Amino acid sequence: MKGTYLGEFEELVLLTVGILNDDAHALAIQRELKNQSGRQPMISSVHKVLVRLEDKSYLTSKMGGATAERGGRRKRLYEMTAAGKKVLATSRELRNKMWDNVPQVVWEGGKP
């Protein structure tokens, strides 16, 4: 698993970039994370993870156009790469496999 490991917050940010698709910028990611999880991450934490995911080649970014609502400032927009999609799929497969291997008796509160 070396090289493909995602921390929980990295995975959530990467998934959020996928959810937002063409509008994945830091503030929108922060808002969507709150909507999806009920957690309010600090914007600095979101930025730090975005940089880390880009360093791992799971994301790419480009500057969007300037908008009046941002006082003419541009947004950095993020997009998932093929490697990002692959690492998410791998993570999902591993989690599902492990969930499927938990004996039903565990969920029922009994002892095996």
PDB file of N, CA and C in Angstrom:
ATOM      1  N   MET A   1       0.812  -1.200   0.000  1.00  0.00           N
ATOM      2  CA  MET A   1       0.000   0.000   0.000  1.00  0.00           C
ATOM      3  C   MET A   1       0.854   1.261   0.000  1.00  0.00           C
ATOM      4  N   LYS A   2       2.155   1.119   0.105  1.00  0.00           N
ATOM      5  CA  LYS A   2       3.002   2.298   0.138  1.00  0.00           C
ATOM      6  C   LYS A   2       2.802   3.117  -1.130  1.00  0.00           C
ATOM      7  N   GLY A   3       2.639   4.438  -0.948  1.00  0.00           N
ATOM      8  CA  GLY A   3       2.460   5.314  -2.092  1.00  0.00           C
ATOM      9  C   GLY A   3       1.011   5.534  -2.480  1.00  0.00           C
ATOM     10  N   THR A   4       0.117   4.695  -1.980  1.00  0.00           N
ATOM     11  CA  THR A   4      -1.296   4.872  -2.314  1.00  0.00           C
ATOM     12  C   THR A   4      -2.126   5.197  -1.085  1.00  0.00           C
ATOM     13  N   TYR A   5      -1.494   5.347   0.058  1.00  0.00           N
ATOM     14  CA  TYR A   5      -2.218   5.608   1.290  1.00  0.00           C
ATOM     15  C   TYR A   5      -2.809   7.016   1.291  1.00  0.00           C
ATOM     16  N   LEU A   6      -4.071   7.088   1.675  1.00  0.00           N
ATOM     17  CA  LEU A   6      -4.732   8.376   1.867  1.00  0.00           C
ATOM     18  C   LEU A   6      -5.171   8.479   3.322  1.00  0.00           C
ATOM     19  N   GLY A   7      -4.886   9.606   3.944  1.00  0.00           N
ATOM     20  CA  GLY A   7      -5.441   9.862   5.262  1.00  0.00           C
ATOM     21  C   GLY A   7      -6.930  10.160   5.113  1.00  0.00           C
ATOM     22  N   GLU A   8      -7.650  10.102   6.221  1.00  0.00           N
ATOM     23  CA  GLU A   8      -9.102  10.322   6.171  1.00  0.00           C
ATOM     24  C   GLU A   8      -9.448  11.688   5.583  1.00  0.00           C
ATOM     25  N   PHE A   9      -8.789  12.732   6.038  1.00  0.00           N
ATOM     26  CA  PHE A   9      -9.119  14.068   5.546  1.00  0.00           C
ATOM     27  C   PHE A   9      -8.713  14.230   4.078  1.00  0.00           C
ATOM     28  N   GLU A  10      -7.589  13.631   3.696  1.00  0.00           N
ATOM     29  CA  GLU A  10      -7.194  13.656   2.287  1.00  0.00           C
ATOM     30  C   GLU A  10      -8.267  12.995   1.425  1.00  0.00           C
ATOM     31  N   GLU A  11      -8.760  11.859   1.885  1.00  0.00           N
ATOM     32  CA  GLU A  11      -9.793  11.146   1.134  1.00  0.00           C
ATOM     33  C   GLU A  11     -11.060  11.999   1.019  1.00  0.00           C
ATOM     34  N   LEU A  12     -11.465  12.631   2.110  1.00  0.00           N
ATOM     35  CA  LEU A  12     -12.663  13.477   2.087  1.00  0.00           C
ATOM     36  C   LEU A  12     -12.491  14.665   1.140  1.00  0.00           C
ATOM     37  N   VAL A  13     -11.328  15.295   1.158  1.00  0.00           N
ATOM     38  CA  VAL A  13     -11.077  16.427   0.259  1.00  0.00           C
ATOM     39  C   VAL A  13     -11.085  15.963  -1.191  1.00  0.00           C
ATOM     40  N   LEU A  14     -10.444  14.852  -1.470  1.00  0.00           N
ATOM     41  CA  LEU A  14     -10.406  14.318  -2.838  1.00  0.00           C
ATOM     42  C   LEU A  14     -11.815  13.970  -3.324  1.00  0.00           C
ATOM     43  N   LEU A  15     -12.614  13.348  -2.468  1.00  0.00           N
ATOM     44  CA  LEU A  15     -14.003  13.054  -2.821  1.00  0.00           C
ATOM     45  C   LEU A  15     -14.795  14.334  -3.071  1.00  0.00           C
ATOM     46  N   THR A  16     -14.538  15.351  -2.277  1.00  0.00           N
ATOM     47  CA  THR A  16     -15.244  16.621  -2.423  1.00  0.00           C
ATOM     48  C   THR A  16     -14.889  17.301  -3.736  1.00  0.00           C
ATOM     49  N   VAL A  17     -13.643  17.202  -4.147  1.00  0.00           N
ATOM     50  CA  VAL A  17     -13.251  17.732  -5.458  1.00  0.00           C
ATOM     51  C   VAL A  17     -14.061  17.035  -6.548  1.00  0.00           C
ATOM     52  N   GLY A  18     -14.242  15.730  -6.408  1.00  0.00           N
ATOM     53  CA  GLY A  18     -15.066  14.993  -7.367  1.00  0.00           C
ATOM     54  C   GLY A  18     -16.517  15.450  -7.345  1.00  0.00           C
ATOM     55  N   ILE A  19     -17.062  15.669  -6.166  1.00  0.00           N
ATOM     56  CA  ILE A  19     -18.451  16.122  -6.037  1.00  0.00           C
ATOM     57  C   ILE A  19     -18.638  17.482  -6.701  1.00  0.00           C
ATOM     58  N   LEU A  20     -17.702  18.398  -6.445  1.00  0.00           N
ATOM     59  CA  LEU A  20     -17.831  19.769  -6.955  1.00  0.00           C
ATOM     60  C   LEU A  20     -17.488  19.893  -8.430  1.00  0.00           C
ATOM     61  N   ASN A  21     -16.693  18.961  -8.924  1.00  0.00           N
ATOM     62  CA  ASN A  21     -16.329  18.900 -10.336  1.00  0.00           C
ATOM     63  C   ASN A  21     -15.739  20.221 -10.829  1.00  0.00           C
ATOM     64  N   ASP A  22     -16.453  20.992 -11.615  1.00  0.00           N
ATOM     65  CA  ASP A  22     -15.909  22.205 -12.231  1.00  0.00           C
ATOM     66  C   ASP A  22     -15.795  23.401 -11.280  1.00  0.00           C
ATOM     67  N   ASP A  23     -16.339  23.293 -10.078  1.00  0.00           N
ATOM     68  CA  ASP A  23     -16.323  24.413  -9.141  1.00  0.00           C
ATOM     69  C   ASP A  23     -15.531  24.074  -7.879  1.00  0.00           C
ATOM     70  N   ALA A  24     -14.507  23.252  -8.020  1.00  0.00           N
ATOM     71  CA  ALA A  24     -13.730  22.804  -6.870  1.00  0.00           C
ATOM     72  C   ALA A  24     -12.616  23.790  -6.555  1.00  0.00           C
ATOM     73  N   HIS A  25     -12.931  24.761  -5.717  1.00  0.00           N
ATOM     74  CA  HIS A  25     -11.921  25.683  -5.186  1.00  0.00           C
ATOM     75  C   HIS A  25     -11.980  25.590  -3.670  1.00  0.00           C
ATOM     76  N   ALA A  26     -10.981  26.089  -2.989  1.00  0.00           N
ATOM     77  CA  ALA A  26     -10.815  25.850  -1.551  1.00  0.00           C
ATOM     78  C   ALA A  26     -12.055  26.200  -0.727  1.00  0.00           C
ATOM     79  N   LEU A  27     -12.643  27.362  -0.945  1.00  0.00           N
ATOM     80  CA  LEU A  27     -13.793  27.773  -0.147  1.00  0.00           C
ATOM     81  C   LEU A  27     -15.007  26.887  -0.419  1.00  0.00           C
ATOM     82  N   ALA A  28     -15.232  26.526  -1.677  1.00  0.00           N
ATOM     83  CA  ALA A  28     -16.339  25.631  -2.016  1.00  0.00           C
ATOM     84  C   ALA A  28     -16.112  24.249  -1.411  1.00  0.00           C
ATOM     85  N   ILE A  29     -14.862  23.802  -1.395  1.00  0.00           N
ATOM     86  CA  ILE A  29     -14.524  22.507  -0.805  1.00  0.00           C
ATOM     87  C   ILE A  29     -14.815  22.543   0.695  1.00  0.00           C
ATOM     88  N   GLN A  30     -14.412  23.607   1.352  1.00  0.00           N
ATOM     89  CA  GLN A  30     -14.681  23.760   2.784  1.00  0.00           C
ATOM     90  C   GLN A  30     -16.187  23.718   3.059  1.00  0.00           C
ATOM     91  N   ARG A  31     -16.966  24.453   2.266  1.00  0.00           N
ATOM     92  CA  ARG A  31     -18.429  24.479   2.443  1.00  0.00           C
ATOM     93  C   ARG A  31     -19.053  23.099   2.219  1.00  0.00           C
ATOM     94  N   GLU A  32     -18.629  22.439   1.146  1.00  0.00           N
ATOM     95  CA  GLU A  32     -19.196  21.132   0.824  1.00  0.00           C
ATOM     96  C   GLU A  32     -18.831  20.087   1.874  1.00  0.00           C
ATOM     97  N   LEU A  33     -17.624  20.165   2.415  1.00  0.00           N
ATOM     98  CA  LEU A  33     -17.239  19.258   3.495  1.00  0.00           C
ATOM     99  C   LEU A  33     -18.158  19.447   4.699  1.00  0.00           C
ATOM    100  N   LYS A  34     -18.493  20.690   5.003  1.00  0.00           N
ATOM    101  CA  LYS A  34     -19.420  20.952   6.109  1.00  0.00           C
ATOM    102  C   LYS A  34     -20.797  20.389   5.784  1.00  0.00           C
ATOM    103  N   ASN A  35     -21.273  20.601   4.558  1.00  0.00           N
ATOM    104  CA  ASN A  35     -22.586  20.084   4.158  1.00  0.00           C
ATOM    105  C   ASN A  35     -22.645  18.564   4.209  1.00  0.00           C
ATOM    106  N   GLN A  36     -21.587  17.917   3.747  1.00  0.00           N
ATOM    107  CA  GLN A  36     -21.577  16.456   3.657  1.00  0.00           C
ATOM    108  C   GLN A  36     -21.301  15.773   4.996  1.00  0.00           C
ATOM    109  N   SER A  37     -20.427  16.365   5.808  1.00  0.00           N
ATOM    110  CA  SER A  37     -19.967  15.676   7.016  1.00  0.00           C
ATOM    111  C   SER A  37     -20.416  16.323   8.320  1.00  0.00           C
ATOM    112  N   GLY A  38     -20.864  17.573   8.241  1.00  0.00           N
ATOM    113  CA  GLY A  38     -21.213  18.280   9.466  1.00  0.00           C
ATOM    114  C   GLY A  38     -20.002  18.857  10.185  1.00  0.00           C
ATOM    115  N   ARG A  39     -18.807  18.604   9.645  1.00  0.00           N
ATOM    116  CA  ARG A  39     -17.576  19.138  10.233  1.00  0.00           C
ATOM    117  C   ARG A  39     -17.192  20.426   9.521  1.00  0.00           C
ATOM    118  N   GLN A  40     -16.632  21.375  10.251  1.00  0.00           N
ATOM    119  CA  GLN A  40     -16.217  22.661   9.682  1.00  0.00           C
ATOM    120  C   GLN A  40     -14.690  22.730   9.717  1.00  0.00           C
ATOM    121  N   PRO A  41     -14.026  22.265   8.664  1.00  0.00           N
ATOM    122  CA  PRO A  41     -12.558  22.332   8.668  1.00  0.00           C
ATOM    123  C   PRO A  41     -12.084  23.770   8.491  1.00  0.00           C
ATOM    124  N   MET A  42     -10.934  24.065   9.036  1.00  0.00           N
ATOM    125  CA  MET A  42     -10.336  25.387   8.836  1.00  0.00           C
ATOM    126  C   MET A  42      -9.877  25.480   7.387  1.00  0.00           C
ATOM    127  N   ILE A  43      -9.987  26.664   6.804  1.00  0.00           N
ATOM    128  CA  ILE A  43      -9.595  26.855   5.400  1.00  0.00           C
ATOM    129  C   ILE A  43      -8.106  26.555   5.216  1.00  0.00           C
ATOM    130  N   SER A  44      -7.302  26.840   6.239  1.00  0.00           N
ATOM    131  CA  SER A  44      -5.861  26.549   6.137  1.00  0.00           C
ATOM    132  C   SER A  44      -5.617  25.037   6.040  1.00  0.00           C
ATOM    133  N   SER A  45      -6.437  24.243   6.723  1.00  0.00           N
ATOM    134  CA  SER A  45      -6.314  22.782   6.638  1.00  0.00           C
ATOM    135  C   SER A  45      -6.679  22.295   5.244  1.00  0.00           C
ATOM    136  N   VAL A  46      -7.715  22.890   4.669  1.00  0.00           N
ATOM    137  CA  VAL A  46      -8.128  22.532   3.311  1.00  0.00           C
ATOM    138  C   VAL A  46      -7.006  22.863   2.335  1.00  0.00           C
ATOM    139  N   HIS A  47      -6.442  24.066   2.452  1.00  0.00           N
ATOM    140  CA  HIS A  47      -5.343  24.472   1.567  1.00  0.00           C
ATOM    141  C   HIS A  47      -4.154  23.518   1.687  1.00  0.00           C
ATOM    142  N   LYS A  48      -3.800  23.169   2.916  1.00  0.00           N
ATOM    143  CA  LYS A  48      -2.648  22.297   3.145  1.00  0.00           C
ATOM    144  C   LYS A  48      -2.858  20.935   2.472  1.00  0.00           C
ATOM    145  N   VAL A  49      -4.057  20.384   2.602  1.00  0.00           N
ATOM    146  CA  VAL A  49      -4.342  19.076   2.004  1.00  0.00           C
ATOM    147  C   VAL A  49      -4.381  19.180   0.481  1.00  0.00           C
ATOM    148  N   LEU A  50      -4.912  20.261  -0.051  1.00  0.00           N
ATOM    149  CA  LEU A  50      -4.935  20.447  -1.503  1.00  0.00           C
ATOM    150  C   LEU A  50      -3.516  20.457  -2.067  1.00  0.00           C
ATOM    151  N   VAL A  51      -2.617  21.150  -1.390  1.00  0.00           N
ATOM    152  CA  VAL A  51      -1.216  21.187  -1.824  1.00  0.00           C
ATOM    153  C   VAL A  51      -0.613  19.782  -1.751  1.00  0.00           C
ATOM    154  N   ARG A  52      -0.882  19.074  -0.650  1.00  0.00           N
ATOM    155  CA  ARG A  52      -0.340  17.723  -0.491  1.00  0.00           C
ATOM    156  C   ARG A  52      -0.876  16.776  -1.564  1.00  0.00           C
ATOM    157  N   LEU A  53      -2.165  16.860  -1.868  1.00  0.00           N
ATOM    158  CA  LEU A  53      -2.747  16.007  -2.905  1.00  0.00           C
ATOM    159  C   LEU A  53      -2.201  16.348  -4.288  1.00  0.00           C
ATOM    160  N   GLU A  54      -1.918  17.617  -4.500  1.00  0.00           N
ATOM    161  CA  GLU A  54      -1.310  18.011  -5.777  1.00  0.00           C
ATOM    162  C   GLU A  54       0.129  17.497  -5.852  1.00  0.00           C
ATOM    163  N   ASP A  55       0.853  17.555  -4.730  1.00  0.00           N
ATOM    164  CA  ASP A  55       2.223  17.026  -4.694  1.00  0.00           C
ATOM    165  C   ASP A  55       2.244  15.519  -4.962  1.00  0.00           C
ATOM    166  N   LYS A  56       1.202  14.818  -4.538  1.00  0.00           N
ATOM    167  CA  LYS A  56       1.101  13.378  -4.762  1.00  0.00           C
ATOM    168  C   LYS A  56       0.563  13.053  -6.161  1.00  0.00           C
ATOM    169  N   SER A  57       0.278  14.080  -6.945  1.00  0.00           N
ATOM    170  CA  SER A  57      -0.250  13.947  -8.311  1.00  0.00           C
ATOM    171  C   SER A  57      -1.670  13.393  -8.359  1.00  0.00           C
ATOM    172  N   TYR A  58      -2.432  13.573  -7.280  1.00  0.00           N
ATOM    173  CA  TYR A  58      -3.831  13.153  -7.252  1.00  0.00           C
ATOM    174  C   TYR A  58      -4.752  14.277  -7.718  1.00  0.00           C
ATOM    175  N   LEU A  59      -4.231  15.504  -7.731  1.00  0.00           N
ATOM    176  CA  LEU A  59      -4.972  16.676  -8.196  1.00  0.00           C
ATOM    177  C   LEU A  59      -4.091  17.516  -9.089  1.00  0.00           C
ATOM    178  N   THR A  60      -4.733  18.258  -9.973  1.00  0.00           N
ATOM    179  CA  THR A  60      -4.065  19.335 -10.701  1.00  0.00           C
ATOM    180  C   THR A  60      -4.867  20.591 -10.415  1.00  0.00           C
ATOM    181  N   SER A  61      -4.257  21.736 -10.647  1.00  0.00           N
ATOM    182  CA  SER A  61      -4.976  22.983 -10.429  1.00  0.00           C
ATOM    183  C   SER A  61      -4.650  23.971 -11.529  1.00  0.00           C
ATOM    184  N   LYS A  62      -5.558  24.909 -11.687  1.00  0.00           N
ATOM    185  CA  LYS A  62      -5.351  26.005 -12.631  1.00  0.00           C
ATOM    186  C   LYS A  62      -6.093  27.212 -12.082  1.00  0.00           C
ATOM    187  N   MET A  63      -5.710  28.362 -12.545  1.00  0.00           N
ATOM    188  CA  MET A  63      -6.380  29.579 -12.106  1.00  0.00           C
ATOM    189  C   MET A  63      -7.616  29.810 -12.964  1.00  0.00           C
ATOM    190  N   GLY A  64      -8.746  30.048 -12.294  1.00  0.00           N
ATOM    191  CA  GLY A  64      -9.991  30.362 -12.990  1.00  0.00           C
ATOM    192  C   GLY A  64     -10.026  31.842 -13.347  1.00  0.00           C
ATOM    193  N   GLY A  65     -11.079  32.239 -13.996  1.00  0.00           N
ATOM    194  CA  GLY A  65     -11.231  33.637 -14.379  1.00  0.00           C
ATOM    195  C   GLY A  65     -11.566  34.525 -13.199  1.00  0.00           C
ATOM    196  N   ALA A  66     -11.284  35.801 -13.345  1.00  0.00           N
ATOM    197  CA  ALA A  66     -11.602  36.788 -12.311  1.00  0.00           C
ATOM    198  C   ALA A  66     -13.108  37.021 -12.284  1.00  0.00           C
ATOM    199  N   THR A  67     -13.640  37.235 -11.077  1.00  0.00           N
ATOM    200  CA  THR A  67     -15.069  37.508 -10.944  1.00  0.00           C
ATOM    201  C   THR A  67     -15.282  38.771 -10.117  1.00  0.00           C
ATOM    202  N   ALA A  68     -16.377  39.458 -10.399  1.00  0.00           N
ATOM    203  CA  ALA A  68     -16.704  40.688  -9.671  1.00  0.00           C
ATOM    204  C   ALA A  68     -16.951  40.398  -8.193  1.00  0.00           C
ATOM    205  N   GLU A  69     -17.584  39.252  -7.894  1.00  0.00           N
ATOM    206  CA  GLU A  69     -17.890  38.928  -6.499  1.00  0.00           C
ATOM    207  C   GLU A  69     -16.640  38.720  -5.662  1.00  0.00           C
ATOM    208  N   ARG A  70     -15.522  38.455  -6.293  1.00  0.00           N
ATOM    209  CA  ARG A  70     -14.247  38.294  -5.572  1.00  0.00           C
ATOM    210  C   ARG A  70     -13.359  39.519  -5.743  1.00  0.00           C
ATOM    211  N   GLY A  71     -13.953  40.621  -6.137  1.00  0.00           N
ATOM    212  CA  GLY A  71     -13.175  41.848  -6.302  1.00  0.00           C
ATOM    213  C   GLY A  71     -12.142  41.743  -7.404  1.00  0.00           C
ATOM    214  N   GLY A  72     -12.455  40.952  -8.429  1.00  0.00           N
ATOM    215  CA  GLY A  72     -11.540  40.787  -9.551  1.00  0.00           C
ATOM    216  C   GLY A  72     -10.467  39.732  -9.334  1.00  0.00           C
ATOM    217  N   ARG A  73     -10.478  39.092  -8.152  1.00  0.00           N
ATOM    218  CA  ARG A  73      -9.469  38.058  -7.877  1.00  0.00           C
ATOM    219  C   ARG A  73      -9.880  36.736  -8.511  1.00  0.00           C
ATOM    220  N   ARG A  74      -8.889  35.966  -8.874  1.00  0.00           N
ATOM    221  CA  ARG A  74      -9.124  34.666  -9.506  1.00  0.00           C
ATOM    222  C   ARG A  74      -9.118  33.553  -8.455  1.00  0.00           C
ATOM    223  N   LYS A  75      -9.801  32.454  -8.745  1.00  0.00           N
ATOM    224  CA  LYS A  75      -9.829  31.280  -7.872  1.00  0.00           C
ATOM    225  C   LYS A  75      -8.914  30.210  -8.447  1.00  0.00           C
ATOM    226  N   ARG A  76      -8.296  29.461  -7.558  1.00  0.00           N
ATOM    227  CA  ARG A  76      -7.546  28.276  -7.986  1.00  0.00           C
ATOM    228  C   ARG A  76      -8.531  27.114  -8.002  1.00  0.00           C
ATOM    229  N   LEU A  77      -8.714  26.524  -9.178  1.00  0.00           N
ATOM    230  CA  LEU A  77      -9.654  25.421  -9.365  1.00  0.00           C
ATOM    231  C   LEU A  77      -8.895  24.099  -9.419  1.00  0.00           C
ATOM    232  N   TYR A  78      -9.451  23.092  -8.759  1.00  0.00           N
ATOM    233  CA  TYR A  78      -8.803  21.778  -8.662  1.00  0.00           C
ATOM    234  C   TYR A  78      -9.569  20.745  -9.449  1.00  0.00           C
ATOM    235  N   GLU A  79      -8.817  19.792 -10.002  1.00  0.00           N
ATOM    236  CA  GLU A  79      -9.403  18.698 -10.766  1.00  0.00           C
ATOM    237  C   GLU A  79      -8.678  17.414 -10.390  1.00  0.00           C
ATOM    238  N   MET A  80      -9.440  16.337 -10.266  1.00  0.00           N
ATOM    239  CA  MET A  80      -8.864  15.047  -9.941  1.00  0.00           C
ATOM    240  C   MET A  80      -8.139  14.477 -11.161  1.00  0.00           C
ATOM    241  N   THR A  81      -6.983  13.890 -10.937  1.00  0.00           N
ATOM    242  CA  THR A  81      -6.230  13.237 -12.008  1.00  0.00           C
ATOM    243  C   THR A  81      -6.639  11.761 -12.086  1.00  0.00           C
ATOM    244  N   ALA A  82      -6.135  11.080 -13.092  1.00  0.00           N
ATOM    245  CA  ALA A  82      -6.374   9.631 -13.203  1.00  0.00           C
ATOM    246  C   ALA A  82      -5.809   8.919 -11.976  1.00  0.00           C
ATOM    247  N   ALA A  83      -4.656   9.361 -11.486  1.00  0.00           N
ATOM    248  CA  ALA A  83      -4.059   8.759 -10.292  1.00  0.00           C
ATOM    249  C   ALA A  83      -4.944   9.003  -9.072  1.00  0.00           C
ATOM    250  N   GLY A  84      -5.558  10.180  -8.988  1.00  0.00           N
ATOM    251  CA  GLY A  84      -6.473  10.487  -7.890  1.00  0.00           C
ATOM    252  C   GLY A  84      -7.700   9.596  -7.919  1.00  0.00           C
ATOM    253  N   LYS A  85      -8.238   9.395  -9.106  1.00  0.00           N
ATOM    254  CA  LYS A  85      -9.406   8.507  -9.252  1.00  0.00           C
ATOM    255  C   LYS A  85      -9.032   7.076  -8.872  1.00  0.00           C
ATOM    256  N   LYS A  86      -7.834   6.661  -9.289  1.00  0.00           N
ATOM    257  CA  LYS A  86      -7.393   5.295  -8.993  1.00  0.00           C
ATOM    258  C   LYS A  86      -7.186   5.092  -7.492  1.00  0.00           C
ATOM    259  N   VAL A  87      -6.570   6.065  -6.821  1.00  0.00           N
ATOM    260  CA  VAL A  87      -6.317   5.897  -5.389  1.00  0.00           C
ATOM    261  C   VAL A  87      -7.632   5.901  -4.611  1.00  0.00           C
ATOM    262  N   LEU A  88      -8.612   6.674  -5.057  1.00  0.00           N
ATOM    263  CA  LEU A  88      -9.927   6.649  -4.407  1.00  0.00           C
ATOM    264  C   LEU A  88     -10.608   5.296  -4.606  1.00  0.00           C
ATOM    265  N   ALA A  89     -10.533   4.773  -5.819  1.00  0.00           N
ATOM    266  CA  ALA A  89     -11.136   3.466  -6.099  1.00  0.00           C
ATOM    267  C   ALA A  89     -10.473   2.373  -5.266  1.00  0.00           C
ATOM    268  N   THR A  90      -9.154   2.433  -5.154  1.00  0.00           N
ATOM    269  CA  THR A  90      -8.410   1.459  -4.355  1.00  0.00           C
ATOM    270  C   THR A  90      -8.799   1.552  -2.888  1.00  0.00           C
ATOM    271  N   SER A  91      -8.904   2.775  -2.401  1.00  0.00           N
ATOM    272  CA  SER A  91      -9.295   3.000  -1.014  1.00  0.00           C
ATOM    273  C   SER A  91     -10.701   2.461  -0.754  1.00  0.00           C
ATOM    274  N   ARG A  92     -11.603   2.720  -1.674  1.00  0.00           N
ATOM    275  CA  ARG A  92     -12.983   2.250  -1.543  1.00  0.00           C
ATOM    276  C   ARG A  92     -13.042   0.721  -1.545  1.00  0.00           C
ATOM    277  N   GLU A  93     -12.297   0.083  -2.456  1.00  0.00           N
ATOM    278  CA  GLU A  93     -12.273  -1.378  -2.520  1.00  0.00           C
ATOM    279  C   GLU A  93     -11.759  -1.980  -1.221  1.00  0.00           C
ATOM    280  N   LEU A  94     -10.693  -1.405  -0.678  1.00  0.00           N
ATOM    281  CA  LEU A  94     -10.123  -1.906   0.573  1.00  0.00           C
ATOM    282  C   LEU A  94     -11.123  -1.760   1.711  1.00  0.00           C
ATOM    283  N   ARG A  95     -11.724  -0.584   1.825  1.00  0.00           N
ATOM    284  CA  ARG A  95     -12.706  -0.364   2.901  1.00  0.00           C
ATOM    285  C   ARG A  95     -13.890  -1.326   2.766  1.00  0.00           C
ATOM    286  N   ASN A  96     -14.422  -1.471   1.552  1.00  0.00           N
ATOM    287  CA  ASN A  96     -15.566  -2.365   1.346  1.00  0.00           C
ATOM    288  C   ASN A  96     -15.208  -3.811   1.684  1.00  0.00           C
ATOM    289  N   LYS A  97     -14.011  -4.231   1.269  1.00  0.00           N
ATOM    290  CA  LYS A  97     -13.562  -5.593   1.566  1.00  0.00           C
ATOM    291  C   LYS A  97     -13.486  -5.813   3.074  1.00  0.00           C
ATOM    292  N   MET A  98     -12.933  -4.841   3.781  1.00  0.00           N
ATOM    293  CA  MET A  98     -12.802  -4.981   5.226  1.00  0.00           C
ATOM    294  C   MET A  98     -14.170  -4.940   5.908  1.00  0.00           C
ATOM    295  N   TRP A  99     -15.056  -4.041   5.477  1.00  0.00           N
ATOM    296  CA  TRP A  99     -16.410  -3.986   6.031  1.00  0.00           C
ATOM    297  C   TRP A  99     -17.118  -5.321   5.816  1.00  0.00           C
ATOM    298  N   ASP A 100     -16.957  -5.893   4.641  1.00  0.00           N
ATOM    299  CA  ASP A 100     -17.618  -7.161   4.320  1.00  0.00           C
ATOM    300  C   ASP A 100     -17.091  -8.315   5.165  1.00  0.00           C
ATOM    301  N   ASN A 101     -15.891  -8.184   5.702  1.00  0.00           N
ATOM    302  CA  ASN A 101     -15.290  -9.255   6.496  1.00  0.00           C
ATOM    303  C   ASN A 101     -15.581  -9.148   7.990  1.00  0.00           C
ATOM    304  N   VAL A 102     -16.271  -8.101   8.403  1.00  0.00           N
ATOM    305  CA  VAL A 102     -16.662  -8.006   9.814  1.00  0.00           C
ATOM    306  C   VAL A 102     -17.840  -8.964  10.025  1.00  0.00           C
ATOM    307  N   PRO A 103     -17.703  -9.918  10.928  1.00  0.00           N
ATOM    308  CA  PRO A 103     -18.784 -10.889  11.141  1.00  0.00           C
ATOM    309  C   PRO A 103     -20.065 -10.196  11.619  1.00  0.00           C
ATOM    310  N   GLN A 104     -21.197 -10.691  11.174  1.00  0.00           N
ATOM    311  CA  GLN A 104     -22.500 -10.120  11.544  1.00  0.00           C
ATOM    312  C   GLN A 104     -22.687 -10.090  13.046  1.00  0.00           C
ATOM    313  N   VAL A 105     -22.111 -11.066  13.741  1.00  0.00           N
ATOM    314  CA  VAL A 105     -22.263 -11.145  15.185  1.00  0.00           C
ATOM    315  C   VAL A 105     -21.696  -9.879  15.868  1.00  0.00           C
ATOM    316  N   VAL A 106     -20.711  -9.272  15.279  1.00  0.00           N
ATOM    317  CA  VAL A 106     -20.145  -8.038  15.837  1.00  0.00           C
ATOM    318  C   VAL A 106     -21.207  -6.940  15.855  1.00  0.00           C
ATOM    319  N   TRP A 107     -21.954  -6.840  14.780  1.00  0.00           N
ATOM    320  CA  TRP A 107     -23.001  -5.795  14.683  1.00  0.00           C
ATOM    321  C   TRP A 107     -24.196  -6.114  15.574  1.00  0.00           C
ATOM    322  N   GLU A 108     -24.397  -7.381  15.857  1.00  0.00           N
ATOM    323  CA  GLU A 108     -25.523  -7.785  16.697  1.00  0.00           C
ATOM    324  C   GLU A 108     -25.185  -7.709  18.172  1.00  0.00           C
ATOM    325  N   GLY A 109     -23.929  -7.461  18.487  1.00  0.00           N
ATOM    326  CA  GLY A 109     -23.518  -7.286  19.884  1.00  0.00           C
ATOM    327  C   GLY A 109     -23.203  -8.574  20.622  1.00  0.00           C
ATOM    328  N   GLY A 110     -23.260  -9.698  19.947  1.00  0.00           N
ATOM    329  CA  GLY A 110     -22.960 -10.973  20.584  1.00  0.00           C
ATOM    330  C   GLY A 110     -21.496 -11.325  20.455  1.00  0.00           C
ATOM    331  N   LYS A 111     -21.140 -12.468  20.971  1.00  0.00           N
ATOM    332  CA  LYS A 111     -19.766 -12.946  20.860  1.00  0.00           C
ATOM    333  C   LYS A 111     -19.722 -14.090  19.864  1.00  0.00           C
ATOM    334  N   PRO A 112     -18.669 -14.160  19.086  1.00  0.00           N
ATOM    335  CA  PRO A 112     -18.559 -15.244  18.086  1.00  0.00           C
ATOM    336  C   PRO A 112     -18.464 -16.600  18.721  1.00  0.00           C
TER     337      PRO A 112
END
